[in-house]
Amino acid sequence: MLQSYLKLAVKVLLRRKFFTFISLFGISLTLLVLMVATAMFDAEYGPCPPETKLDRSLGVFRARMIGPHSIRSGDPGYALLDQTVRGLPGAEEVSLHSSPGSVTSYQGGARVTSYLKRTDGAFWRIYEFRFLEGGPYTDEDEKSGAFVAVINEPTRRRFFGEASAVGRTLEADGQTFRVVGVVEAVPFLRTIVFSDIYVPITTAKSDAYRKEMMGGFLATILAHGRSDLPGIRREFATRVTRIPMPDPKNYTTLQTSAETPFESFAGEMFDLKVQTGRAAGLLALIIGAMVLFMVLPAINLVNLNVSRIMERASEIGVRKAFGASRRTLVGQFVVENVLLCLVGGAIGLALSAVALQIIASSEIIPYARFAPNYRVFLYGIGLSSLFGLLSGVYPALKMSRLHPVEALRGGSR
C-alpha cells in the first residue's frame, strides 16, 4: 500500500510542477534558516571536543555582589572560587581558569594580537583537547610558575610557519614562554575553553588576583557521575553563604551558582540574577519560536495544498465512486505532502551545509566549524515530517469529505 502511495505521489508532484516548486521553495527556505540556527546553537552548547563531558560538568561563570546603593556583577574572582569549589564532595576534578584576554606580541617587526588564557593543570584533564604536537603542562608547572605554553594551530602558523613549535619560545604580553604543546583550534563560540595561547595561572605578572572576589576567572567542576551534580550544587550554595563579604559597607549579599553553560546563558538573557533551573524555560521559548516560525509557512502551504487538491476533485470523485475509503484518500494525500516536505528538507539541509561553510570560511567567528552533524540531520528530518503533517492533514480531511457527485462536478461549496 505504501509503495503505491509513493509511486502515485511522485507522479502527481511531477505533474503539478508549479505547485511543487512553490512548496519546495517555502519548505527548503524555512528549514535552511532553522538548520543554520540549530547548527550554530549546537556548535556553542552541544557536546563537542574539547567539551565532551558536559553531561557531568558544572561551572561557575558569573557572580553578583549586591549592596544598598550598588550592584557589581561579572566573572567571579579567584578568591571566591578558591573558597567555594576546592574539595567539593562528588567532584572528580576542579579547575580554575581565567577568561581569555587580548595580548600583543611582535613577530618579525609585525604586531600580532592573540587571546591568552591562564589555567591550572586540571584544565587539561577535564577538557579533551586534540594535541597536534607535544602535550599539556602539568600541576607541577602551574605550582612552580613555569613559563610554558600550549598554543593552537593557527598561532603556530603565525609565529613559526609550518615548522614544529614544541621547544621554541614566543613572546606574549611582555613575557616569554616555551611552547610545550600545540592543539587544534577551538571555535570562538566555545567561550569557556577558547583561546590562542594557554599558560599557567601562576605566570601572572602579579599575585593580586588571589585576593579578588570578583573578576577575570571561571571554574569548571567535573563530577564523578551525573547523580553527583545535585549534591555539588547544594554544597556549593552552602559554601557561598559562609563567605564573609570583603566590603560589608557597600555590599551585603553575594550571589553565584554552580550551573551549566546554558543555564548561565539563560540567566544573562533574562537578567535572572544567578538562579538555576531557568534553562528549561529558555529552551521551551526557543522551541516555541521555532514551531511558530514553521507554522506561518505551513499555513501558506495548507492554502496551496487546498488549491492543488481541489484541482484533483474529479479524480477524487472517481476514486470515491469506485469505493475508495476516506482513510485511503487521507493516507494518500498525507504521504504526498510528507514526501514533498522530506524532499524540501533534504534540499534545506544541503543548502544549510553550504551556508554554514560560507559563514565559517568568512572568519566572522574565529575558528568557526559549522556542519549539520547527525543531531542536526535528525532535527531536520523531524522538522520536515512535522511540517508535512501540519500542512497536509487539514487539506486531506477537507478533500476526503467531498461527496462523489460533488467532487465529479469539480469542487465543493
Protein backbone atom coordinates (compact mmCIF):
# COMPACT_ATOMS: atom_id res chain seq x y z
CA MET A 1 0.00 0.00 0.00
CA LEU A 2 2.72 2.48 0.97
CA GLN A 3 4.65 1.68 -2.20
CA SER A 4 1.57 2.50 -4.30
CA TYR A 5 1.11 5.75 -2.35
CA LEU A 6 4.71 6.74 -3.06
CA LYS A 7 4.53 5.96 -6.77
CA LEU A 8 1.35 7.98 -7.17
CA ALA A 9 2.77 10.83 -5.07
CA VAL A 10 5.84 11.10 -7.31
CA LYS A 11 3.69 11.20 -10.46
CA VAL A 12 1.40 13.87 -9.01
CA LEU A 13 4.26 16.07 -7.80
CA LEU A 14 5.93 15.91 -11.22
CA ARG A 15 2.64 16.69 -12.94
CA ARG A 16 1.97 19.80 -10.83
CA LYS A 17 5.43 21.34 -11.29
CA PHE A 18 4.46 24.92 -10.34
CA PHE A 19 2.81 23.93 -7.05
CA THR A 20 5.70 21.56 -6.36
CA PHE A 21 8.28 24.31 -6.94
CA ILE A 22 6.49 26.85 -4.72
CA SER A 23 6.06 24.28 -1.96
CA LEU A 24 9.68 23.11 -2.13
CA PHE A 25 10.92 26.71 -2.08
CA GLY A 26 8.96 27.55 1.08
CA ILE A 27 9.93 24.34 2.86
CA SER A 28 13.61 24.46 1.98
CA LEU A 29 13.94 28.16 2.87
CA THR A 30 12.26 27.64 6.23
CA LEU A 31 14.43 24.65 7.04
CA LEU A 32 17.55 26.45 5.83
CA VAL A 33 17.02 29.15 8.46
CA LEU A 34 16.15 26.62 11.16
CA MET A 35 19.10 24.36 10.37
CA VAL A 36 21.61 27.21 10.35
CA ALA A 37 20.28 28.48 13.69
CA THR A 38 20.24 24.94 15.14
CA ALA A 39 23.77 24.18 13.95
CA MET A 40 25.10 27.42 15.45
CA PHE A 41 23.31 26.70 18.73
CA ASP A 42 24.68 23.16 18.71
CA ALA A 43 28.18 24.48 17.98
CA GLU A 44 28.02 26.63 21.11
CA TYR A 45 26.20 24.42 23.62
CA GLY A 46 26.26 20.87 22.29
CA PRO A 47 28.84 18.26 23.32
CA CYS A 48 31.82 18.90 21.07
CA PRO A 49 35.57 18.44 21.59
CA PRO A 50 37.15 19.53 23.81
CA GLU A 51 33.91 19.87 25.83
CA THR A 52 32.90 16.22 25.69
CA LYS A 53 31.86 15.76 29.35
CA LEU A 54 29.09 18.35 29.56
CA ASP A 55 26.64 15.77 30.91
CA ARG A 56 28.55 15.64 34.20
CA SER A 57 30.05 19.12 34.36
CA LEU A 58 29.10 22.34 36.09
CA GLY A 59 30.78 25.70 36.08
CA VAL A 60 30.85 28.95 37.98
CA PHE A 61 30.67 31.58 35.28
CA ARG A 62 29.19 34.67 36.91
CA ALA A 63 28.71 36.30 40.27
CA ARG A 64 26.92 39.31 41.69
CA MET A 65 27.55 41.40 44.80
CA ILE A 66 24.58 43.46 45.93
CA GLY A 67 24.57 46.40 48.32
CA PRO A 68 22.20 49.15 49.44
CA HIS A 69 23.34 51.52 46.73
CA SER A 70 25.25 49.50 44.14
CA ILE A 71 25.45 46.17 42.33
CA ARG A 72 28.58 44.61 40.88
CA SER A 73 28.25 41.67 38.51
CA GLY A 74 30.52 39.80 36.13
CA ASP A 75 33.06 36.99 36.21
CA PRO A 76 33.84 35.63 39.67
CA GLY A 77 37.28 36.25 41.16
CA TYR A 78 39.96 33.72 42.02
CA ALA A 79 39.48 34.17 45.78
CA LEU A 80 35.76 33.48 45.56
CA LEU A 81 36.30 30.32 43.52
CA ASP A 82 39.21 29.15 45.64
CA GLN A 83 36.98 29.22 48.74
CA THR A 84 33.97 27.50 47.19
CA VAL A 85 34.97 24.86 44.63
CA ARG A 86 38.00 23.17 46.16
CA GLY A 87 37.26 19.72 47.57
CA LEU A 88 33.58 19.59 46.68
CA PRO A 89 32.09 16.16 47.55
CA GLY A 90 31.35 14.22 44.37
CA ALA A 91 33.81 16.20 42.25
CA GLU A 92 36.39 14.23 40.26
CA GLU A 93 38.30 17.31 39.08
CA VAL A 94 38.07 21.05 39.70
CA SER A 95 39.76 23.64 37.50
CA LEU A 96 40.18 27.38 37.91
CA HIS A 97 40.99 29.31 34.76
CA SER A 98 40.86 32.88 33.55
CA SER A 99 38.66 34.36 30.87
CA PRO A 100 40.67 34.82 27.65
CA GLY A 101 42.19 38.26 27.29
CA SER A 102 43.73 40.02 24.32
CA VAL A 103 47.53 40.27 24.36
CA THR A 104 50.05 41.73 21.95
CA SER A 105 53.19 40.13 20.53
CA TYR A 106 55.74 41.24 17.96
CA GLN A 107 56.93 38.78 15.35
CA GLY A 108 59.44 39.88 12.76
CA GLY A 109 58.61 43.51 13.43
CA ALA A 110 54.88 42.89 12.92
CA ARG A 111 52.31 43.28 15.65
CA VAL A 112 50.34 40.11 16.43
CA THR A 113 47.20 40.12 18.59
CA SER A 114 46.20 36.88 20.30
CA TYR A 115 43.93 35.66 23.09
CA LEU A 116 45.69 34.36 26.20
CA LYS A 117 44.10 32.18 28.87
CA ARG A 118 45.66 31.18 32.20
CA THR A 119 44.73 27.75 33.55
CA ASP A 120 45.79 25.14 36.06
CA GLY A 121 46.87 21.57 35.28
CA ALA A 122 43.40 20.12 35.94
CA PHE A 123 42.06 22.09 32.98
CA TRP A 124 43.77 19.65 30.61
CA ARG A 125 42.32 16.61 32.38
CA ILE A 126 38.74 17.91 32.21
CA TYR A 127 38.78 19.10 28.62
CA GLU A 128 39.81 16.73 25.85
CA PHE A 129 41.89 18.86 23.51
CA ARG A 130 43.33 17.27 20.41
CA PHE A 131 47.10 17.72 20.57
CA LEU A 132 48.89 18.06 17.26
CA GLU A 133 52.30 18.33 18.94
CA GLY A 134 53.64 17.77 22.42
CA GLY A 135 51.31 17.73 25.41
CA PRO A 136 49.82 19.85 28.19
CA TYR A 137 51.64 21.47 31.06
CA THR A 138 51.17 19.86 34.46
CA ASP A 139 50.11 20.68 38.03
CA GLU A 140 53.79 20.99 38.89
CA ASP A 141 54.31 23.52 36.10
CA GLU A 142 51.40 25.55 37.47
CA LYS A 143 52.64 25.37 41.07
CA SER A 144 56.18 26.37 40.16
CA GLY A 145 55.11 29.16 37.83
CA ALA A 146 56.91 27.65 34.84
CA PHE A 147 56.80 29.88 31.76
CA VAL A 148 55.43 27.23 29.43
CA ALA A 149 52.57 27.47 26.96
CA VAL A 150 50.19 25.45 24.87
CA ILE A 151 49.21 27.19 21.64
CA ASN A 152 46.64 26.44 18.98
CA GLU A 153 47.50 25.54 15.41
CA PRO A 154 46.75 28.98 13.84
CA THR A 155 49.07 30.59 16.42
CA ARG A 156 51.80 28.12 15.48
CA ARG A 157 51.44 29.20 11.85
CA ARG A 158 51.56 32.89 12.75
CA PHE A 159 54.73 32.52 14.82
CA PHE A 160 56.58 29.56 13.32
CA GLY A 161 55.06 28.87 9.92
CA GLU A 162 54.75 25.16 9.18
CA ALA A 163 57.72 24.22 11.40
CA SER A 164 57.40 22.38 14.70
CA ALA A 165 56.72 24.70 17.63
CA VAL A 166 57.49 22.46 20.63
CA GLY A 167 60.61 23.63 22.44
CA ARG A 168 60.61 27.05 20.79
CA THR A 169 59.72 30.30 22.54
CA LEU A 170 57.24 33.05 21.87
CA GLU A 171 56.60 36.41 23.48
CA ALA A 172 53.13 37.42 24.64
CA ASP A 173 52.11 40.35 26.84
CA GLY A 174 55.76 41.12 27.55
CA GLN A 175 56.50 37.60 28.80
CA THR A 176 58.43 34.81 27.10
CA PHE A 177 57.01 31.27 27.11
CA ARG A 178 58.41 27.95 25.94
CA VAL A 179 55.91 26.00 23.85
CA VAL A 180 55.20 22.50 25.17
CA GLY A 181 52.15 21.64 23.08
CA VAL A 182 50.05 22.56 20.06
CA VAL A 183 46.30 21.92 19.99
CA GLU A 184 43.61 22.08 17.37
CA ALA A 185 41.92 25.49 17.42
CA VAL A 186 38.73 25.80 19.45
CA PRO A 187 35.94 27.90 17.88
CA PHE A 188 35.34 31.30 19.42
CA LEU A 189 31.77 30.27 20.31
CA ARG A 190 33.14 27.80 22.88
CA THR A 191 33.83 30.72 25.18
CA ILE A 192 34.78 28.63 28.21
CA VAL A 193 37.73 26.89 26.55
CA PHE A 194 38.56 29.23 23.66
CA SER A 195 41.98 30.86 23.41
CA ASP A 196 45.05 31.11 21.20
CA ILE A 197 47.62 30.71 23.98
CA TYR A 198 47.23 28.81 27.27
CA VAL A 199 49.68 29.38 30.13
CA PRO A 200 49.78 28.52 33.86
CA ILE A 201 47.84 30.83 36.18
CA THR A 202 50.92 31.42 38.30
CA THR A 203 52.73 33.17 35.43
CA ALA A 204 50.52 36.24 36.02
CA LYS A 205 52.57 39.41 36.48
CA SER A 206 51.09 39.94 39.94
CA ASP A 207 49.52 37.68 42.54
CA ALA A 208 46.85 40.28 43.37
CA TYR A 209 44.31 38.05 41.61
CA ARG A 210 44.46 35.65 44.57
CA LYS A 211 42.60 38.20 46.75
CA GLU A 212 39.94 39.26 44.26
CA MET A 213 36.35 38.21 44.88
CA MET A 214 35.17 39.45 41.51
CA GLY A 215 36.61 39.47 38.04
CA GLY A 216 38.53 37.52 35.46
CA PHE A 217 38.11 33.85 36.42
CA LEU A 218 35.87 30.86 35.84
CA ALA A 219 35.66 27.43 37.44
CA THR A 220 34.82 24.04 35.98
CA ILE A 221 33.64 21.19 38.20
CA LEU A 222 33.72 17.67 36.77
CA ALA A 223 31.56 15.24 38.76
CA HIS A 224 32.21 11.51 39.11
CA GLY A 225 28.75 10.94 37.66
CA ARG A 226 25.55 12.76 36.80
CA SER A 227 23.99 11.66 40.07
CA ASP A 228 26.57 13.75 41.94
CA LEU A 229 25.53 17.05 40.32
CA PRO A 230 22.61 17.93 42.66
CA GLY A 231 24.79 17.39 45.73
CA ILE A 232 27.57 19.54 44.24
CA ARG A 233 25.08 22.33 43.60
CA ARG A 234 23.77 22.19 47.16
CA GLU A 235 27.21 22.10 48.78
CA PHE A 236 28.43 24.97 46.61
CA ALA A 237 25.38 27.08 47.54
CA THR A 238 26.02 26.37 51.24
CA ARG A 239 29.66 27.43 50.97
CA VAL A 240 28.70 30.69 49.25
CA THR A 241 26.54 31.69 52.24
CA ARG A 242 29.54 31.29 54.55
CA ILE A 243 31.87 33.62 52.69
CA PRO A 244 32.42 36.92 54.53
CA MET A 245 31.86 39.97 52.35
CA PRO A 246 35.11 41.87 51.70
CA ASP A 247 33.38 45.26 51.77
CA PRO A 248 30.28 44.92 54.01
CA LYS A 249 29.57 48.65 53.95
CA ASN A 250 28.94 48.66 50.21
CA TYR A 251 27.98 45.04 49.55
CA THR A 252 25.88 42.81 51.78
CA THR A 253 24.85 39.92 49.53
CA LEU A 254 26.81 37.57 47.28
CA GLN A 255 25.04 35.57 44.56
CA THR A 256 26.63 32.87 42.43
CA SER A 257 25.77 29.33 41.37
CA ALA A 258 27.27 26.13 40.06
CA GLU A 259 25.44 25.78 36.74
CA THR A 260 25.67 24.62 33.17
CA PRO A 261 26.74 26.99 30.37
CA PHE A 262 23.17 27.05 29.04
CA GLU A 263 21.78 27.91 32.48
CA SER A 264 24.29 30.74 32.66
CA PHE A 265 23.17 31.98 29.25
CA ALA A 266 19.53 31.83 30.35
CA GLY A 267 20.31 33.95 33.38
CA GLU A 268 22.15 36.55 31.33
CA MET A 269 19.44 36.55 28.69
CA PHE A 270 16.64 37.43 31.06
CA ASP A 271 18.63 39.10 33.84
CA LEU A 272 17.55 36.39 36.24
CA LYS A 273 20.43 37.04 38.61
CA VAL A 274 22.15 33.71 39.25
CA GLN A 275 19.27 31.33 39.82
CA THR A 276 19.48 27.91 38.23
CA GLY A 277 16.60 25.94 36.75
CA ARG A 278 15.87 28.58 34.11
CA ALA A 279 17.36 26.67 31.19
CA ALA A 280 14.17 24.64 30.67
CA GLY A 281 12.13 27.83 30.30
CA LEU A 282 14.54 29.31 27.76
CA LEU A 283 14.67 26.04 25.84
CA ALA A 284 10.87 25.95 25.73
CA LEU A 285 10.85 29.52 24.45
CA ILE A 286 13.36 28.66 21.70
CA ILE A 287 11.39 25.59 20.66
CA GLY A 288 8.18 27.64 20.68
CA ALA A 289 9.77 30.25 18.43
CA MET A 290 10.94 27.51 16.04
CA VAL A 291 7.46 25.97 15.90
CA LEU A 292 5.89 29.39 15.29
CA PHE A 293 8.42 30.03 12.55
CA MET A 294 7.31 26.74 10.98
CA VAL A 295 3.58 27.32 11.41
CA LEU A 296 3.47 30.52 9.35
CA PRO A 297 4.79 28.93 6.12
CA ALA A 298 2.78 25.80 6.96
CA ILE A 299 -0.41 27.89 6.77
CA ASN A 300 0.60 29.13 3.32
CA LEU A 301 1.38 25.56 2.32
CA VAL A 302 -2.07 24.46 3.53
CA ASN A 303 -3.67 27.01 1.21
CA LEU A 304 -1.54 25.77 -1.70
CA ASN A 305 -2.47 22.18 -0.90
CA VAL A 306 -6.18 23.01 -0.78
CA SER A 307 -5.92 24.59 -4.24
CA ARG A 308 -3.91 21.63 -5.53
CA ILE A 309 -6.37 19.13 -4.10
CA MET A 310 -9.40 20.96 -5.46
CA GLU A 311 -7.84 20.74 -8.91
CA ARG A 312 -7.98 16.99 -8.44
CA ALA A 313 -11.64 16.97 -7.43
CA SER A 314 -12.67 14.86 -10.43
CA GLU A 315 -10.01 12.28 -9.61
CA ILE A 316 -11.25 12.19 -6.02
CA GLY A 317 -14.83 11.75 -7.18
CA VAL A 318 -13.92 8.83 -9.44
CA ARG A 319 -11.94 7.11 -6.68
CA LYS A 320 -14.73 7.57 -4.16
CA ALA A 321 -17.30 6.33 -6.69
CA PHE A 322 -15.25 3.16 -7.09
CA GLY A 323 -15.20 2.61 -3.32
CA ALA A 324 -12.05 4.37 -2.06
CA SER A 325 -12.44 4.97 1.67
CA ARG A 326 -11.82 8.24 3.45
CA ARG A 327 -8.86 6.64 5.24
CA THR A 328 -7.28 5.62 1.93
CA LEU A 329 -7.66 9.08 0.43
CA VAL A 330 -6.37 10.86 3.54
CA GLY A 331 -3.41 8.50 3.69
CA GLN A 332 -2.60 9.14 0.03
CA PHE A 333 -2.56 12.91 0.36
CA VAL A 334 -0.67 12.91 3.67
CA VAL A 335 2.00 10.66 2.10
CA GLU A 336 2.24 13.05 -0.85
CA ASN A 337 2.73 16.01 1.44
CA VAL A 338 5.20 14.30 3.76
CA LEU A 339 7.21 13.17 0.73
CA LEU A 340 7.20 16.73 -0.58
CA CYS A 341 8.38 18.06 2.78
CA LEU A 342 11.10 15.43 3.11
CA VAL A 343 12.42 16.38 -0.33
CA GLY A 344 12.29 20.04 0.72
CA GLY A 345 14.02 19.08 3.96
CA ALA A 346 16.82 17.35 2.06
CA ILE A 347 17.27 20.46 -0.11
CA GLY A 348 17.19 22.64 3.02
CA LEU A 349 19.85 20.50 4.69
CA ALA A 350 22.08 20.69 1.62
CA LEU A 351 21.65 24.46 1.43
CA SER A 352 22.33 24.81 5.15
CA ALA A 353 25.61 22.89 4.77
CA VAL A 354 26.65 25.32 2.05
CA ALA A 355 25.55 28.35 4.09
CA LEU A 356 27.40 27.15 7.20
CA GLN A 357 30.54 26.56 5.16
CA ILE A 358 30.31 30.12 3.81
CA ILE A 359 29.85 31.51 7.34
CA ALA A 360 32.80 29.50 8.65
CA SER A 361 35.11 30.49 5.78
CA SER A 362 34.21 34.17 6.15
CA GLU A 363 36.07 34.20 9.54
CA ILE A 364 33.35 36.37 11.09
CA ILE A 365 33.55 33.92 14.01
CA PRO A 366 37.20 32.96 14.67
CA TYR A 367 37.99 29.28 14.07
CA ALA A 368 34.29 28.53 13.50
CA ARG A 369 33.41 24.99 12.47
CA PHE A 370 29.79 24.51 11.47
CA ALA A 371 28.35 21.37 9.98
CA PRO A 372 24.93 19.69 10.11
CA ASN A 373 26.04 16.78 12.27
CA TYR A 374 23.88 13.72 12.96
CA ARG A 375 21.84 15.55 15.61
CA VAL A 376 21.15 18.47 13.27
CA PHE A 377 20.30 15.99 10.49
CA LEU A 378 17.75 14.26 12.75
CA TYR A 379 16.32 17.65 13.71
CA GLY A 380 15.91 18.39 10.00
CA ILE A 381 14.15 15.10 9.25
CA GLY A 382 11.88 15.53 12.26
CA LEU A 383 11.02 19.11 11.37
CA SER A 384 10.34 18.14 7.75
CA SER A 385 7.98 15.34 8.80
CA LEU A 386 6.18 17.61 11.25
CA PHE A 387 5.94 20.26 8.54
CA GLY A 388 4.37 17.69 6.23
CA LEU A 389 1.79 16.63 8.81
CA LEU A 390 0.91 20.22 9.78
CA SER A 391 0.33 21.26 6.19
CA GLY A 392 -1.19 18.03 4.89
CA VAL A 393 -3.76 16.80 7.40
CA TYR A 394 -6.31 19.61 7.05
CA PRO A 395 -6.41 19.64 3.21
CA ALA A 396 -6.57 15.85 3.20
CA LEU A 397 -9.53 15.81 5.61
CA LYS A 398 -11.28 18.53 3.62
CA MET A 399 -10.79 16.57 0.43
CA SER A 400 -11.97 13.28 1.94
CA ARG A 401 -15.32 14.77 2.95
CA LEU A 402 -16.27 15.61 -0.65
CA HIS A 403 -19.39 13.80 -1.87
CA PRO A 404 -18.56 11.75 -5.01
CA VAL A 405 -21.13 13.60 -7.13
CA GLU A 406 -19.96 16.97 -5.87
CA ALA A 407 -16.32 16.02 -6.49
CA LEU A 408 -17.10 14.93 -10.07
CA ARG A 409 -18.60 18.37 -10.66
CA GLY A 410 -15.22 19.86 -9.82
CA GLY A 411 -15.30 21.13 -6.22
CA SER A 412 -17.24 21.80 -3.02
CA ARG A 413 -19.33 24.55 -1.61
